[in-house]
Protein backbone atom coordinates (compact mmCIF):
# COMPACT_ATOMS: atom_id res chain seq x y z
CA UNK A 1 213.63 226.49 70.53
CA UNK A 2 215.78 229.53 69.48
CA UNK A 3 213.08 230.57 66.98
CA UNK A 4 210.46 230.88 69.72
CA UNK A 5 212.68 233.17 71.84
CA UNK A 6 214.01 235.18 68.91
CA UNK A 7 210.55 236.56 68.16
CA UNK A 8 209.95 238.21 71.48
CA UNK A 9 213.38 239.70 71.38
CA UNK A 10 213.02 241.28 67.96
CA UNK A 11 209.40 242.50 68.83
CA UNK A 12 210.79 244.18 72.12
CA UNK A 13 213.65 245.97 70.26
CA UNK A 14 211.40 247.13 67.41
CA UNK A 15 208.48 248.38 69.53
CA UNK A 16 210.99 250.30 71.72
CA UNK A 17 212.70 251.87 68.92
CA UNK A 18 209.43 252.89 67.21
CA UNK A 19 208.13 254.29 70.41
CA UNK A 20 211.35 256.31 71.16
CA UNK A 21 211.43 257.66 67.46
CA UNK A 22 207.64 258.76 67.89
CA UNK A 23 206.47 256.82 64.82
CA UNK A 24 202.68 256.54 64.56
CA UNK A 25 202.36 253.11 62.94
CA UNK A 26 204.61 250.12 62.43
CA UNK A 27 204.46 246.71 60.80
CA UNK A 28 205.95 243.57 62.28
CA UNK A 29 206.19 240.04 60.70
CA UNK A 30 203.15 237.89 61.62
CA UNK A 31 203.55 235.05 64.14
CA UNK A 32 201.31 233.70 66.73
CA UNK A 33 203.41 234.68 69.52
CA UNK A 34 203.82 238.33 68.27
CA UNK A 35 200.11 238.58 67.95
CA UNK A 36 199.47 237.12 71.28
CA UNK A 37 202.00 239.68 72.89
CA UNK A 38 200.67 242.75 71.06
CA UNK A 39 196.99 241.68 71.91
CA UNK A 40 198.11 241.90 75.55
CA UNK A 41 199.57 245.32 74.95
CA UNK A 42 196.46 246.52 73.26
CA UNK A 43 194.27 245.24 76.09
CA UNK A 44 196.36 246.95 78.62
CA UNK A 45 196.42 250.18 76.67
CA UNK A 46 199.97 250.44 75.72
CA UNK A 47 199.25 250.49 71.99
CA UNK A 48 196.32 252.12 70.15
CA UNK A 49 195.52 249.83 67.36
CA UNK A 50 196.19 246.25 66.14
CA UNK A 51 195.33 245.40 62.44
CA UNK A 52 196.41 242.42 60.28
CA UNK A 53 197.50 243.19 56.67
CA UNK A 54 200.11 243.01 54.15
CA UNK A 55 203.60 244.28 53.83
CA UNK A 56 202.30 247.63 52.27
CA UNK A 57 198.97 248.18 54.05
CA UNK A 58 196.80 247.22 56.99
CA UNK A 59 193.77 245.46 55.27
CA UNK A 60 192.42 242.61 57.20
CA UNK A 61 190.19 241.31 54.41
CA UNK A 62 193.22 240.18 52.35
CA UNK A 63 195.22 238.84 55.26
CA UNK A 64 193.88 235.06 54.92
CA UNK A 65 194.71 234.95 51.30
CA UNK A 66 198.49 236.20 51.73
CA UNK A 67 201.47 234.05 51.83
CA UNK A 68 202.87 233.62 55.25
CA UNK A 69 206.00 235.72 54.39
CA UNK A 70 203.74 238.54 53.36
CA UNK A 71 201.55 238.74 56.50
CA UNK A 72 202.21 241.67 58.72
CA UNK A 73 200.81 242.84 62.05
CA UNK A 74 200.21 246.59 61.96
CA UNK A 75 200.58 248.32 65.36
CA UNK A 76 199.42 251.87 65.98
CA UNK A 77 201.59 253.42 68.76
CA UNK A 78 200.16 255.34 71.57
CA UNK A 79 201.50 258.79 72.81
CA UNK A 80 200.30 260.98 75.63
CA UNK A 81 201.47 264.57 75.79
CA UNK A 82 204.12 263.74 73.25
CA UNK A 83 205.56 260.99 75.35
CA UNK A 84 205.27 257.24 74.51
CA UNK A 85 202.94 255.18 76.72
CA UNK A 86 205.18 252.19 76.04
CA UNK A 87 208.32 253.15 77.80
CA UNK A 88 210.26 249.93 78.31
CA UNK A 89 209.78 246.42 76.96
CA UNK A 90 212.39 243.93 78.04
CA UNK A 91 212.94 240.03 77.37
CA UNK A 92 213.16 238.25 80.61
CA UNK A 93 213.79 234.64 79.39
CA UNK A 94 216.54 234.47 76.91
CA UNK A 95 218.11 231.30 75.11
CA UNK A 96 220.83 230.97 77.75
CA UNK A 97 218.61 232.00 80.78
CA UNK A 98 215.13 230.67 80.87
CA UNK A 99 212.94 231.99 83.84
CA UNK A 100 210.41 229.45 84.60
CA UNK A 101 208.05 230.05 87.59
CA UNK A 102 205.46 228.08 89.44
CA UNK A 103 202.11 229.73 90.41
CA UNK A 104 203.37 230.74 93.95
CA UNK A 105 206.57 232.24 92.57
CA UNK A 106 204.66 234.18 89.88
CA UNK A 107 202.24 235.55 92.46
CA UNK A 108 205.39 236.79 94.45
CA UNK A 109 206.72 238.75 91.46
CA UNK A 110 203.27 240.03 90.62
CA UNK A 111 202.83 241.46 94.16
CA UNK A 112 206.26 243.25 93.99
CA UNK A 113 208.46 240.80 95.61
CA UNK A 114 211.64 239.02 94.21
CA UNK A 115 211.50 235.52 93.10
CA UNK A 116 214.30 233.36 91.19
CA UNK A 117 216.44 236.52 90.70
CA UNK A 118 213.65 238.47 89.06
CA UNK A 119 212.45 241.65 90.83
CA UNK A 120 208.88 242.16 91.46
CA UNK A 121 206.85 244.35 89.18
CA UNK A 122 205.77 247.84 90.03
CA UNK A 123 202.88 250.11 89.15
CA UNK A 124 202.18 250.19 85.59
CA UNK A 125 204.28 247.07 84.69
CA UNK A 126 202.97 243.99 82.89
CA UNK A 127 204.33 240.56 82.76
CA UNK A 128 203.78 238.26 79.70
CA UNK A 129 203.91 234.53 80.48
CA UNK A 130 204.06 231.46 78.27
CA UNK A 131 202.04 228.70 79.95
CA UNK A 132 202.71 225.04 78.94
CA UNK A 133 200.24 222.82 77.26
CA UNK A 134 199.23 220.23 79.77
CA UNK A 135 196.68 217.49 79.00
CA UNK A 136 196.33 216.67 82.85
CA UNK A 137 194.73 220.15 83.52
CA UNK A 138 192.81 220.10 80.18
CA UNK A 139 195.27 222.32 78.35
CA UNK A 140 195.83 220.34 75.09
CA UNK A 141 197.86 221.59 72.17
CA UNK A 142 200.09 224.46 72.20
CA UNK A 143 201.64 226.72 74.79
CA UNK A 144 199.40 229.77 75.50
CA UNK A 145 200.78 233.30 75.96
CA UNK A 146 198.95 235.30 78.54
CA UNK A 147 199.20 238.24 80.96
CA UNK A 148 200.82 237.41 84.30
CA UNK A 149 197.81 238.05 86.32
CA UNK A 150 195.52 235.81 83.90
CA UNK A 151 198.02 233.07 84.49
CA UNK A 152 198.14 233.49 88.29
CA UNK A 153 194.42 233.64 88.49
CA UNK A 154 194.04 230.33 86.56
CA UNK A 155 196.56 228.65 88.94
CA UNK A 156 199.25 228.35 86.34
CA UNK A 157 202.96 229.12 86.16
CA UNK A 158 205.07 229.33 83.12
CA UNK A 159 208.03 230.90 81.37
CA UNK A 160 208.37 234.60 81.98
CA UNK A 161 208.85 236.03 78.52
CA UNK A 162 208.50 239.83 78.56
CA UNK A 163 208.24 242.76 81.03
CA UNK A 164 206.49 245.77 79.78
CA UNK A 165 206.17 249.32 81.33
């Protein structure tokens, strides 16, 4: 379990440091969770581009033939008037403190109210939630990482992973 929680922590610190340093493009090690989280950031307009590639360059055509250790996710950062669009990115669930919410509690947080010692989100904030695999509701296989609003609309709860503004 610690490996699953370490990736969001490294991703959050790396992207915050890159955005504060006004770097145009960065590469992070490939993992399914990192790709899912950065895809959510791209959909919400917090980063400008997302490309798969190698350690040295973002070339999607060579990505499938690379070793796992050589695979990278290249992220183009977004700035407006010289200021980073991605201002804050914090891990909510940590190894010692996991925050797992049901659908009603997730709805409270998404509408700006507190639940389970987590403050509600404000304008411009996004929650990233890991929803569990569940054969009873037709979700077989792996856990899914999705936006908080998507999980709430689907009637799901889950582990609050990342809070982004």
